[in-house]
Amino acid sequence: MGLPGSGKSTVGRAVAATLDWPFVDLDAEIVHREGRSIAAIFASDGETRFRALEREATERLRAARPSVVAPGGGWITVPATVALVWPPARMTYLKVSPEAAYRRLRRTVRLRPLLRKDPLRALHALFEARRVSYEQADLVVDTELLTLQEVTRRIVALAEAQDP
């Protein structure tokens, strides 16, 4: 979990490949099931409906085999949704500053509903609103200071230490 631009999908795919586990991108799952983009869901149905769709996707994970899951950045804002899988799931917070997230997203930032108006200000607001929740993760990894391989190794170690 982490801000948009923290590397959730990139790191998630690398961790899943290393563990030979399935990779699940919750946003992609929602887009596939709904047949429309996250932006379209937000525009027509609002954030409340999107969070309900996240909850439904999370509920489906409970019956799945161990997987690496990349939730959207706001997934953590609904404690009842998080409680569906944590514990026993292990959570990793991919820490990144709003400035670094903005640099990583600058080409696609306008496609993200919560970042459209003033992206850097919005990232700062999201960071402040979510920081305490993010920091409750089982592992915090700074994605600005480490390479993809180093981040992957740390998360894989956490997954391998988990009871079967």
C-alpha atoms as a PDB file:
ATOM      1  CA  MET A   1       0.000   0.000   0.000  1.00  0.00           C
ATOM      2  CA  GLY A   2       1.068   3.598  -0.417  1.00  0.00           C
ATOM      3  CA  LEU A   3       0.456   6.781  -2.308  1.00  0.00           C
ATOM      4  CA  PRO A   4      -0.217   6.738  -6.009  1.00  0.00           C
ATOM      5  CA  GLY A   5       3.234   6.533  -7.574  1.00  0.00           C
ATOM      6  CA  SER A   6       4.798   4.605  -4.700  1.00  0.00           C
ATOM      7  CA  GLY A   7       5.357   1.561  -6.906  1.00  0.00           C
ATOM      8  CA  LYS A   8       2.588  -0.751  -5.709  1.00  0.00           C
ATOM      9  CA  SER A   9       1.994  -2.404  -9.090  1.00  0.00           C
ATOM     10  CA  THR A  10       5.654  -2.540 -10.135  1.00  0.00           C
ATOM     11  CA  VAL A  11       6.866  -3.886  -6.807  1.00  0.00           C
ATOM     12  CA  GLY A  12       3.862  -6.196  -6.476  1.00  0.00           C
ATOM     13  CA  ARG A  13       4.604  -7.841  -9.812  1.00  0.00           C
ATOM     14  CA  ALA A  14       8.278  -8.300  -8.886  1.00  0.00           C
ATOM     15  CA  VAL A  15       7.433  -9.812  -5.493  1.00  0.00           C
ATOM     16  CA  ALA A  16       4.813 -12.117  -7.013  1.00  0.00           C
ATOM     17  CA  ALA A  17       7.263 -13.315  -9.663  1.00  0.00           C
ATOM     18  CA  THR A  18       9.930 -14.004  -7.029  1.00  0.00           C
ATOM     19  CA  LEU A  19       7.513 -15.940  -4.796  1.00  0.00           C
ATOM     20  CA  ASP A  20       5.760 -17.597  -7.754  1.00  0.00           C
ATOM     21  CA  TRP A  21       2.442 -16.346  -6.371  1.00  0.00           C
ATOM     22  CA  PRO A  22      -0.420 -14.742  -8.293  1.00  0.00           C
ATOM     23  CA  PHE A  23      -0.406 -10.956  -8.540  1.00  0.00           C
ATOM     24  CA  VAL A  24      -3.679  -9.095  -8.025  1.00  0.00           C
ATOM     25  CA  ASP A  25      -4.028  -5.405  -8.817  1.00  0.00           C
ATOM     26  CA  LEU A  26      -7.297  -4.460  -7.090  1.00  0.00           C
ATOM     27  CA  ASP A  27      -7.869  -1.445  -9.329  1.00  0.00           C
ATOM     28  CA  ALA A  28      -7.392  -3.599 -12.448  1.00  0.00           C
ATOM     29  CA  GLU A  29      -9.798  -6.184 -11.023  1.00  0.00           C
ATOM     30  CA  ILE A  30     -12.417  -3.499 -10.472  1.00  0.00           C
ATOM     31  CA  VAL A  31     -11.931  -2.077 -13.979  1.00  0.00           C
ATOM     32  CA  HIS A  32     -12.266  -5.568 -15.459  1.00  0.00           C
ATOM     33  CA  ARG A  33     -15.450  -6.410 -13.524  1.00  0.00           C
ATOM     34  CA  GLU A  34     -17.074  -3.024 -14.083  1.00  0.00           C
ATOM     35  CA  GLY A  35     -16.009  -2.641 -17.709  1.00  0.00           C
ATOM     36  CA  ARG A  36     -14.991   0.991 -17.188  1.00  0.00           C
ATOM     37  CA  SER A  37     -12.093   2.979 -15.829  1.00  0.00           C
ATOM     38  CA  ILE A  38     -11.596   4.073 -12.237  1.00  0.00           C
ATOM     39  CA  ALA A  39     -12.031   7.666 -13.429  1.00  0.00           C
ATOM     40  CA  ALA A  40     -15.386   6.747 -15.008  1.00  0.00           C
ATOM     41  CA  ILE A  41     -16.533   5.027 -11.820  1.00  0.00           C
ATOM     42  CA  PHE A  42     -15.592   8.087  -9.759  1.00  0.00           C
ATOM     43  CA  ALA A  43     -17.254  10.443 -12.236  1.00  0.00           C
ATOM     44  CA  SER A  44     -20.550   8.604 -12.483  1.00  0.00           C
ATOM     45  CA  ASP A  45     -20.870   6.876  -9.104  1.00  0.00           C
ATOM     46  CA  GLY A  46     -18.481   8.700  -6.780  1.00  0.00           C
ATOM     47  CA  GLU A  47     -15.789   7.625  -4.364  1.00  0.00           C
ATOM     48  CA  THR A  48     -18.251   5.906  -2.010  1.00  0.00           C
ATOM     49  CA  ARG A  49     -19.266   3.438  -4.731  1.00  0.00           C
ATOM     50  CA  PHE A  50     -15.644   2.878  -5.681  1.00  0.00           C
ATOM     51  CA  ARG A  51     -14.770   2.037  -2.051  1.00  0.00           C
ATOM     52  CA  ALA A  52     -17.674  -0.446  -2.025  1.00  0.00           C
ATOM     53  CA  LEU A  53     -16.232  -2.080  -5.140  1.00  0.00           C
ATOM     54  CA  GLU A  54     -12.839  -2.265  -3.396  1.00  0.00           C
ATOM     55  CA  ARG A  55     -14.516  -3.999  -0.478  1.00  0.00           C
ATOM     56  CA  GLU A  56     -16.158  -6.544  -2.794  1.00  0.00           C
ATOM     57  CA  ALA A  57     -12.806  -7.227  -4.479  1.00  0.00           C
ATOM     58  CA  THR A  58     -11.155  -7.626  -1.072  1.00  0.00           C
ATOM     59  CA  GLU A  59     -13.869 -10.065   0.042  1.00  0.00           C
ATOM     60  CA  ARG A  60     -13.074 -12.235  -2.974  1.00  0.00           C
ATOM     61  CA  LEU A  61      -9.431 -12.398  -1.850  1.00  0.00           C
ATOM     62  CA  ARG A  62     -10.389 -14.213   1.341  1.00  0.00           C
ATOM     63  CA  ALA A  63     -11.050 -17.414  -0.613  1.00  0.00           C
ATOM     64  CA  ALA A  64      -7.999 -17.071  -2.861  1.00  0.00           C
ATOM     65  CA  ARG A  65      -4.670 -18.798  -2.421  1.00  0.00           C
ATOM     66  CA  PRO A  66      -1.798 -16.673  -1.081  1.00  0.00           C
ATOM     67  CA  SER A  67      -1.252 -13.789  -3.474  1.00  0.00           C
ATOM     68  CA  VAL A  68       0.566 -10.511  -3.765  1.00  0.00           C
ATOM     69  CA  VAL A  69      -2.077  -7.792  -3.831  1.00  0.00           C
ATOM     70  CA  ALA A  70      -1.658  -4.170  -4.848  1.00  0.00           C
ATOM     71  CA  PRO A  71      -4.592  -2.190  -3.491  1.00  0.00           C
ATOM     72  CA  GLY A  72      -5.318   1.351  -4.529  1.00  0.00           C
ATOM     73  CA  GLY A  73      -3.796   4.062  -2.360  1.00  0.00           C
ATOM     74  CA  GLY A  74      -7.081   4.787  -0.588  1.00  0.00           C
ATOM     75  CA  TRP A  75      -7.894   1.159   0.222  1.00  0.00           C
ATOM     76  CA  ILE A  76      -6.437   1.670   3.685  1.00  0.00           C
ATOM     77  CA  THR A  77      -8.986   4.414   4.446  1.00  0.00           C
ATOM     78  CA  VAL A  78     -11.774   1.905   5.070  1.00  0.00           C
ATOM     79  CA  PRO A  79     -10.756  -0.095   8.165  1.00  0.00           C
ATOM     80  CA  ALA A  80     -13.612  -2.593   7.734  1.00  0.00           C
ATOM     81  CA  THR A  81     -12.271  -3.489   4.287  1.00  0.00           C
ATOM     82  CA  VAL A  82      -8.725  -3.884   5.577  1.00  0.00           C
ATOM     83  CA  ALA A  83     -10.001  -6.075   8.448  1.00  0.00           C
ATOM     84  CA  LEU A  84     -11.330  -8.584   5.919  1.00  0.00           C
ATOM     85  CA  VAL A  85      -7.777  -9.741   5.185  1.00  0.00           C
ATOM     86  CA  TRP A  86      -5.443  -8.280   7.828  1.00  0.00           C
ATOM     87  CA  PRO A  87      -4.424 -10.333   9.659  1.00  0.00           C
ATOM     88  CA  PRO A  88      -3.524 -12.948   8.433  1.00  0.00           C
ATOM     89  CA  ALA A  89      -2.332 -10.997   5.383  1.00  0.00           C
ATOM     90  CA  ARG A  90       0.895  -9.058   5.732  1.00  0.00           C
ATOM     91  CA  MET A  91       0.906  -5.444   4.636  1.00  0.00           C
ATOM     92  CA  THR A  92       3.804  -3.453   3.277  1.00  0.00           C
ATOM     93  CA  TYR A  93       3.788   0.332   3.063  1.00  0.00           C
ATOM     94  CA  LEU A  94       5.786   1.565   0.095  1.00  0.00           C
ATOM     95  CA  LYS A  95       6.829   4.939   1.421  1.00  0.00           C
ATOM     96  CA  VAL A  96       7.428   7.790  -0.999  1.00  0.00           C
ATOM     97  CA  SER A  97       7.286  11.549  -0.627  1.00  0.00           C
ATOM     98  CA  PRO A  98       4.482  13.412  -2.398  1.00  0.00           C
ATOM     99  CA  GLU A  99       7.123  15.146  -4.543  1.00  0.00           C
ATOM    100  CA  ALA A 100       8.662  11.869  -5.706  1.00  0.00           C
ATOM    101  CA  ALA A 101       5.201  10.405  -6.337  1.00  0.00           C
ATOM    102  CA  TYR A 102       4.326  13.438  -8.439  1.00  0.00           C
ATOM    103  CA  ARG A 103       7.533  13.099 -10.491  1.00  0.00           C
ATOM    104  CA  ARG A 104       6.736   9.445 -11.155  1.00  0.00           C
ATOM    105  CA  LEU A 105       3.131  10.199 -12.117  1.00  0.00           C
ATOM    106  CA  ARG A 106       3.447  13.485 -13.966  1.00  0.00           C
ATOM    107  CA  ARG A 107       2.532  12.012 -17.359  1.00  0.00           C
ATOM    108  CA  THR A 108      -0.577  10.228 -16.084  1.00  0.00           C
ATOM    109  CA  VAL A 109      -1.535  12.269 -13.034  1.00  0.00           C
ATOM    110  CA  ARG A 110      -4.567  13.851 -14.711  1.00  0.00           C
ATOM    111  CA  LEU A 111      -6.068  10.393 -15.277  1.00  0.00           C
ATOM    112  CA  ARG A 112      -6.349   9.894 -11.510  1.00  0.00           C
ATOM    113  CA  PRO A 113      -9.619  11.229 -10.083  1.00  0.00           C
ATOM    114  CA  LEU A 114      -8.253  12.352  -6.709  1.00  0.00           C
ATOM    115  CA  LEU A 115      -5.281  14.169  -8.272  1.00  0.00           C
ATOM    116  CA  ARG A 116      -6.842  16.066 -11.169  1.00  0.00           C
ATOM    117  CA  LYS A 117      -7.000  19.650  -9.910  1.00  0.00           C
ATOM    118  CA  ASP A 118      -3.724  20.343  -8.114  1.00  0.00           C
ATOM    119  CA  PRO A 119      -1.822  17.040  -8.136  1.00  0.00           C
ATOM    120  CA  LEU A 120       1.042  17.934  -5.808  1.00  0.00           C
ATOM    121  CA  ARG A 121      -1.260  19.555  -3.251  1.00  0.00           C
ATOM    122  CA  ALA A 122      -3.593  16.552  -3.512  1.00  0.00           C
ATOM    123  CA  LEU A 123      -0.702  14.135  -2.951  1.00  0.00           C
ATOM    124  CA  HIS A 124       0.353  16.084   0.147  1.00  0.00           C
ATOM    125  CA  ALA A 125      -3.221  15.990   1.461  1.00  0.00           C
ATOM    126  CA  LEU A 126      -3.522  12.253   0.783  1.00  0.00           C
ATOM    127  CA  PHE A 127      -0.186  11.630   2.476  1.00  0.00           C
ATOM    128  CA  GLU A 128      -1.207  13.551   5.589  1.00  0.00           C
ATOM    129  CA  ALA A 129      -4.637  11.913   5.733  1.00  0.00           C
ATOM    130  CA  ARG A 130      -3.319   8.373   5.267  1.00  0.00           C
ATOM    131  CA  ARG A 131       0.129   8.423   6.874  1.00  0.00           C
ATOM    132  CA  VAL A 132      -0.932   7.020  10.259  1.00  0.00           C
ATOM    133  CA  SER A 133      -2.829   4.176   8.592  1.00  0.00           C
ATOM    134  CA  TYR A 134       0.017   3.430   6.194  1.00  0.00           C
ATOM    135  CA  GLU A 135       2.532   3.301   9.049  1.00  0.00           C
ATOM    136  CA  GLN A 136       0.581   0.498  10.764  1.00  0.00           C
ATOM    137  CA  ALA A 137       1.838  -1.874   8.085  1.00  0.00           C
ATOM    138  CA  ASP A 138       3.892  -4.926   8.981  1.00  0.00           C
ATOM    139  CA  LEU A 139       6.771  -3.528   6.938  1.00  0.00           C
ATOM    140  CA  VAL A 140       7.636   0.005   5.824  1.00  0.00           C
ATOM    141  CA  VAL A 141       9.963   0.295   2.834  1.00  0.00           C
ATOM    142  CA  ASP A 142      11.189   3.612   1.458  1.00  0.00           C
ATOM    143  CA  THR A 143      10.953   3.279  -2.317  1.00  0.00           C
ATOM    144  CA  GLU A 144      12.953   6.454  -2.886  1.00  0.00           C
ATOM    145  CA  LEU A 145      16.093   5.130  -1.218  1.00  0.00           C
ATOM    146  CA  LEU A 146      16.138   1.529  -2.425  1.00  0.00           C
ATOM    147  CA  THR A 147      16.249  -0.159  -5.798  1.00  0.00           C
ATOM    148  CA  LEU A 148      13.375  -2.312  -7.015  1.00  0.00           C
ATOM    149  CA  GLN A 149      15.502  -5.388  -6.250  1.00  0.00           C
ATOM    150  CA  GLU A 150      16.176  -4.242  -2.668  1.00  0.00           C
ATOM    151  CA  VAL A 151      12.507  -3.448  -2.053  1.00  0.00           C
ATOM    152  CA  THR A 152      11.530  -6.822  -3.507  1.00  0.00           C
ATOM    153  CA  ARG A 153      14.031  -8.689  -1.303  1.00  0.00           C
ATOM    154  CA  ARG A 154      12.682  -7.057   1.863  1.00  0.00           C
ATOM    155  CA  ILE A 155       9.074  -7.881   1.048  1.00  0.00           C
ATOM    156  CA  VAL A 156       9.892 -11.440  -0.001  1.00  0.00           C
ATOM    157  CA  ALA A 157      11.685 -11.950   3.326  1.00  0.00           C
ATOM    158  CA  LEU A 158       8.536 -10.829   5.162  1.00  0.00           C
ATOM    159  CA  ALA A 159       6.355 -13.168   3.098  1.00  0.00           C
ATOM    160  CA  GLU A 160       8.680 -16.114   3.616  1.00  0.00           C
ATOM    161  CA  ALA A 161       8.749 -15.501   7.379  1.00  0.00           C
ATOM    162  CA  GLN A 162       4.952 -15.726   7.545  1.00  0.00           C
ATOM    163  CA  ASP A 163       3.477 -18.900   8.972  1.00  0.00           C
ATOM    164  CA  PRO A 164       2.117 -21.231   6.258  1.00  0.00           C
END
